[in-house]
């Protein structure tokens, strides 16, 4: 048996193995019921929208979202401070 035939057989066996693995994963995924996540989908929102809206208008959505990721939950002052800092740093770096 030539080397190229051996590589063809190995490639075929690898492909069959991968396809079988995907089929098994899909069958298991179809059998198990999808459970609700243990948390709400909007857990990343650390401050209420009523407090966030004026900050978004003042500093921009990207700066407020970035500040929300850094600050503790429900700390509006921290979000405002970090959003202001992020906007200032962005403007400073854009001038250079």
Protein backbone atom coordinates (compact mmCIF):
# COMPACT_ATOMS: atom_id res chain seq x y z
CA UNK A 1 0.00 0.00 0.00
CA UNK A 2 1.41 3.36 -0.98
CA UNK A 3 1.81 6.23 1.46
CA UNK A 4 -0.78 8.39 -0.33
CA UNK A 5 -3.38 5.62 0.06
CA UNK A 6 -2.58 5.36 3.75
CA UNK A 7 -3.09 9.09 4.19
CA UNK A 8 -6.39 8.90 2.32
CA UNK A 9 -7.59 6.13 4.64
CA UNK A 10 -6.47 8.08 7.72
CA UNK A 11 -8.23 11.20 6.45
CA UNK A 12 -11.42 9.25 5.79
CA UNK A 13 -11.31 7.63 9.23
CA UNK A 14 -10.77 11.01 10.89
CA UNK A 15 -13.68 12.54 9.00
CA UNK A 16 -15.99 9.66 9.93
CA UNK A 17 -14.93 9.95 13.57
CA UNK A 18 -15.64 13.71 13.64
CA UNK A 19 -19.01 13.38 11.91
CA UNK A 20 -20.00 10.63 14.36
CA UNK A 21 -19.00 12.83 17.29
CA UNK A 22 -21.07 15.74 16.01
CA UNK A 23 -24.04 13.43 15.45
CA UNK A 24 -23.81 12.14 19.01
CA UNK A 25 -23.59 15.66 20.41
CA UNK A 26 -26.60 16.78 18.39
CA UNK A 27 -28.68 13.79 19.46
CA UNK A 28 -27.88 14.44 23.11
CA UNK A 29 -28.70 18.11 22.71
CA UNK A 30 -32.08 17.23 21.21
CA UNK A 31 -32.92 14.82 24.04
CA UNK A 32 -32.19 17.12 26.95
CA UNK A 33 -34.68 19.90 27.65
CA UNK A 34 -33.26 23.37 27.55
CA UNK A 35 -33.31 24.78 31.06
CA UNK A 36 -33.79 28.44 31.78
CA UNK A 37 -30.56 30.19 32.73
CA UNK A 38 -30.03 30.56 36.47
CA UNK A 39 -29.79 34.32 36.04
CA UNK A 40 -31.69 36.97 34.16
CA UNK A 41 -30.43 37.87 30.74
CA UNK A 42 -29.95 41.52 31.72
CA UNK A 43 -27.64 41.00 34.69
CA UNK A 44 -24.96 43.17 33.08
CA UNK A 45 -27.10 46.26 33.64
CA UNK A 46 -25.80 47.44 36.97
CA UNK A 47 -27.78 50.67 37.11
CA UNK A 48 -31.43 51.31 36.23
CA UNK A 49 -32.24 52.81 32.83
CA UNK A 50 -33.67 55.96 34.43
CA UNK A 51 -30.23 56.73 35.85
CA UNK A 52 -28.40 55.48 32.78
CA UNK A 53 -30.26 57.53 30.17
CA UNK A 54 -28.84 60.95 31.13
CA UNK A 55 -25.34 59.46 31.35
CA UNK A 56 -25.70 57.96 27.87
CA UNK A 57 -26.79 61.33 26.50
CA UNK A 58 -23.87 63.07 28.22
CA UNK A 59 -20.98 60.59 27.71
CA UNK A 60 -22.18 58.13 25.05
CA UNK A 61 -23.42 54.57 25.21
CA UNK A 62 -20.03 52.93 24.77
CA UNK A 63 -18.49 54.86 27.70
CA UNK A 64 -21.41 54.09 30.01
CA UNK A 65 -21.42 50.40 29.10
CA UNK A 66 -17.69 50.20 29.70
CA UNK A 67 -18.09 51.96 33.05
CA UNK A 68 -20.90 49.59 34.03
CA UNK A 69 -18.59 46.65 33.44
CA UNK A 70 -16.02 48.09 35.84
CA UNK A 71 -18.19 49.48 38.64
CA UNK A 72 -20.03 47.66 41.43
CA UNK A 73 -23.74 46.93 41.05
CA UNK A 74 -26.06 49.97 41.49
CA UNK A 75 -23.20 52.45 41.96
CA UNK A 76 -24.37 55.32 39.76
CA UNK A 77 -21.65 57.70 40.96
CA UNK A 78 -18.95 55.21 40.00
CA UNK A 79 -20.50 54.67 36.56
CA UNK A 80 -20.64 58.41 35.95
CA UNK A 81 -17.06 58.92 37.13
CA UNK A 82 -15.71 56.07 34.98
CA UNK A 83 -17.73 57.11 31.91
CA UNK A 84 -16.39 60.64 32.23
CA UNK A 85 -12.84 59.32 32.58
CA UNK A 86 -13.25 57.01 29.58
CA UNK A 87 -14.52 59.86 27.40
CA UNK A 88 -11.71 62.16 28.50
CA UNK A 89 -9.08 59.50 27.78
CA UNK A 90 -10.63 58.82 24.37
CA UNK A 91 -10.63 62.52 23.46
CA UNK A 92 -7.08 62.97 24.73
CA UNK A 93 -5.75 60.03 22.72
CA UNK A 94 -7.57 61.16 19.57
CA UNK A 95 -5.77 64.53 19.72
CA UNK A 96 -2.35 62.93 19.57
